[in-house]
Amino acid sequence: MDKVSGVLTTTSSSFDRETVTYYAVVIKAADQGTTVKSVTMTLTVSLNDVNDNYPVFDSASAYTKNIGEDSAIGWLEFSENGLALIKV
């Protein structure tokens, strides 16, 4: 963490949310007085997931979805094992 700007940087070139969902960064600030006063806090950095995995489909199945003309624009609800809400 830069002591002037407060910008937090890392030496890691990538993060994977499937491996680690958050990081707890302990930050300590101290003055330069003759009797040093300091405070410590923990900053929790939560990672958002990006779609970095290709979808997997059962090759034996065919997927069909009929979309009504009054369906909401931009969203397709499709359920395979109860999971999926796709923005199109």
C-alpha atoms as a PDB file:
ATOM      1  CA  MET A   1       0.000   0.000   0.000  1.00  0.00           C
ATOM      2  CA  ASP A   2       1.411   3.369  -0.985  1.00  0.00           C
ATOM      3  CA  LYS A   3       1.860   5.485   2.150  1.00  0.00           C
ATOM      4  CA  VAL A   4       0.919   8.718   0.359  1.00  0.00           C
ATOM      5  CA  SER A   5      -1.852   7.750  -2.077  1.00  0.00           C
ATOM      6  CA  GLY A   6      -3.223   4.689  -0.248  1.00  0.00           C
ATOM      7  CA  VAL A   7      -3.240   2.684  -3.491  1.00  0.00           C
ATOM      8  CA  LEU A   8      -3.107  -1.045  -2.822  1.00  0.00           C
ATOM      9  CA  THR A   9      -1.033  -3.037  -5.325  1.00  0.00           C
ATOM     10  CA  THR A  10      -0.200  -6.707  -5.637  1.00  0.00           C
ATOM     11  CA  THR A  11       2.625  -8.745  -7.096  1.00  0.00           C
ATOM     12  CA  SER A  12       0.223 -11.422  -8.341  1.00  0.00           C
ATOM     13  CA  SER A  13      -0.612 -11.316 -12.033  1.00  0.00           C
ATOM     14  CA  SER A  14      -3.909 -13.179 -11.706  1.00  0.00           C
ATOM     15  CA  PHE A  15      -6.561 -14.232  -9.227  1.00  0.00           C
ATOM     16  CA  ASP A  16      -8.995 -17.144  -9.485  1.00  0.00           C
ATOM     17  CA  ARG A  17     -12.275 -16.818  -7.585  1.00  0.00           C
ATOM     18  CA  GLU A  18     -12.852 -20.571  -7.822  1.00  0.00           C
ATOM     19  CA  THR A  19      -9.703 -21.016  -5.704  1.00  0.00           C
ATOM     20  CA  VAL A  20      -9.908 -18.031  -3.326  1.00  0.00           C
ATOM     21  CA  THR A  21     -13.099 -15.973  -2.952  1.00  0.00           C
ATOM     22  CA  TYR A  22     -11.618 -13.185  -0.839  1.00  0.00           C
ATOM     23  CA  TYR A  23      -8.401 -11.903   0.712  1.00  0.00           C
ATOM     24  CA  ALA A  24      -7.999 -10.403   4.173  1.00  0.00           C
ATOM     25  CA  VAL A  25      -5.320  -7.685   4.047  1.00  0.00           C
ATOM     26  CA  VAL A  26      -4.040  -6.439   7.398  1.00  0.00           C
ATOM     27  CA  ILE A  27      -3.126  -2.745   7.267  1.00  0.00           C
ATOM     28  CA  LYS A  28      -1.191  -0.955   9.977  1.00  0.00           C
ATOM     29  CA  ALA A  29      -0.816   2.828  10.061  1.00  0.00           C
ATOM     30  CA  ALA A  30       1.671   4.434  12.439  1.00  0.00           C
ATOM     31  CA  ASP A  31       2.910   7.946  13.080  1.00  0.00           C
ATOM     32  CA  GLN A  32       6.551   8.912  13.490  1.00  0.00           C
ATOM     33  CA  GLY A  33       6.219  10.468  16.945  1.00  0.00           C
ATOM     34  CA  THR A  34       8.565   9.747  19.831  1.00  0.00           C
ATOM     35  CA  THR A  35       5.794   7.618  21.301  1.00  0.00           C
ATOM     36  CA  VAL A  36       4.594   5.743  18.234  1.00  0.00           C
ATOM     37  CA  LYS A  37       0.836   5.552  17.915  1.00  0.00           C
ATOM     38  CA  SER A  38      -0.656   3.097  15.480  1.00  0.00           C
ATOM     39  CA  VAL A  39      -3.878   1.490  14.413  1.00  0.00           C
ATOM     40  CA  THR A  40      -4.461  -1.807  12.637  1.00  0.00           C
ATOM     41  CA  MET A  41      -7.424  -2.795  10.482  1.00  0.00           C
ATOM     42  CA  THR A  42      -8.335  -5.648   8.203  1.00  0.00           C
ATOM     43  CA  LEU A  43      -9.426  -4.855   4.654  1.00  0.00           C
ATOM     44  CA  THR A  44     -11.466  -7.627   3.054  1.00  0.00           C
ATOM     45  CA  VAL A  45     -11.099  -7.777  -0.729  1.00  0.00           C
ATOM     46  CA  SER A  46     -13.869  -9.854  -2.324  1.00  0.00           C
ATOM     47  CA  LEU A  47     -13.336 -11.174  -5.828  1.00  0.00           C
ATOM     48  CA  ASN A  48     -16.046 -11.102  -8.467  1.00  0.00           C
ATOM     49  CA  ASP A  49     -16.273 -14.078 -10.770  1.00  0.00           C
ATOM     50  CA  VAL A  50     -15.766 -13.725 -14.493  1.00  0.00           C
ATOM     51  CA  ASN A  51     -16.974 -16.255 -17.002  1.00  0.00           C
ATOM     52  CA  ASP A  52     -13.586 -17.910 -17.476  1.00  0.00           C
ATOM     53  CA  ASN A  53     -14.892 -21.458 -17.916  1.00  0.00           C
ATOM     54  CA  TYR A  54     -16.450 -22.744 -21.098  1.00  0.00           C
ATOM     55  CA  PRO A  55     -19.983 -24.125 -20.783  1.00  0.00           C
ATOM     56  CA  VAL A  56     -20.349 -27.896 -20.709  1.00  0.00           C
ATOM     57  CA  PHE A  57     -23.274 -29.518 -22.479  1.00  0.00           C
ATOM     58  CA  ASP A  58     -24.379 -33.115 -22.477  1.00  0.00           C
ATOM     59  CA  SER A  59     -23.727 -34.046 -26.099  1.00  0.00           C
ATOM     60  CA  ALA A  60     -26.539 -36.628 -26.005  1.00  0.00           C
ATOM     61  CA  SER A  61     -29.169 -33.989 -25.302  1.00  0.00           C
ATOM     62  CA  ALA A  62     -30.791 -31.394 -27.488  1.00  0.00           C
ATOM     63  CA  TYR A  63     -31.721 -28.077 -25.922  1.00  0.00           C
ATOM     64  CA  THR A  64     -34.808 -26.261 -27.130  1.00  0.00           C
ATOM     65  CA  LYS A  65     -36.418 -23.128 -25.735  1.00  0.00           C
ATOM     66  CA  ASN A  66     -39.472 -21.373 -27.112  1.00  0.00           C
ATOM     67  CA  ILE A  67     -39.544 -17.658 -26.440  1.00  0.00           C
ATOM     68  CA  GLY A  68     -42.901 -15.928 -26.244  1.00  0.00           C
ATOM     69  CA  GLU A  69     -43.296 -12.623 -28.053  1.00  0.00           C
ATOM     70  CA  ASP A  70     -44.153 -10.952 -24.739  1.00  0.00           C
ATOM     71  CA  SER A  71     -40.927 -12.141 -23.024  1.00  0.00           C
ATOM     72  CA  ALA A  72     -38.709  -9.568 -21.333  1.00  0.00           C
ATOM     73  CA  ILE A  73     -36.145  -8.088 -23.688  1.00  0.00           C
ATOM     74  CA  GLY A  74     -32.562  -9.143 -23.040  1.00  0.00           C
ATOM     75  CA  TRP A  75     -33.112 -12.145 -20.761  1.00  0.00           C
ATOM     76  CA  LEU A  76     -33.666 -15.803 -21.522  1.00  0.00           C
ATOM     77  CA  GLU A  77     -34.581 -18.136 -18.712  1.00  0.00           C
ATOM     78  CA  PHE A  78     -33.340 -21.613 -19.461  1.00  0.00           C
ATOM     79  CA  SER A  79     -33.207 -24.402 -16.922  1.00  0.00           C
ATOM     80  CA  GLU A  80     -31.047 -27.484 -17.166  1.00  0.00           C
ATOM     81  CA  ASN A  81     -31.019 -29.153 -13.740  1.00  0.00           C
ATOM     82  CA  GLY A  82     -32.610 -25.949 -12.420  1.00  0.00           C
ATOM     83  CA  LEU A  83     -29.625 -23.693 -13.113  1.00  0.00           C
ATOM     84  CA  ALA A  84     -29.300 -20.809 -15.562  1.00  0.00           C
ATOM     85  CA  LEU A  85     -30.377 -17.282 -16.225  1.00  0.00           C
ATOM     86  CA  ILE A  86     -28.749 -16.025 -19.368  1.00  0.00           C
ATOM     87  CA  LYS A  87     -28.436 -12.440 -20.581  1.00  0.00           C
ATOM     88  CA  VAL A  88     -28.677 -12.341 -24.352  1.00  0.00           C
END
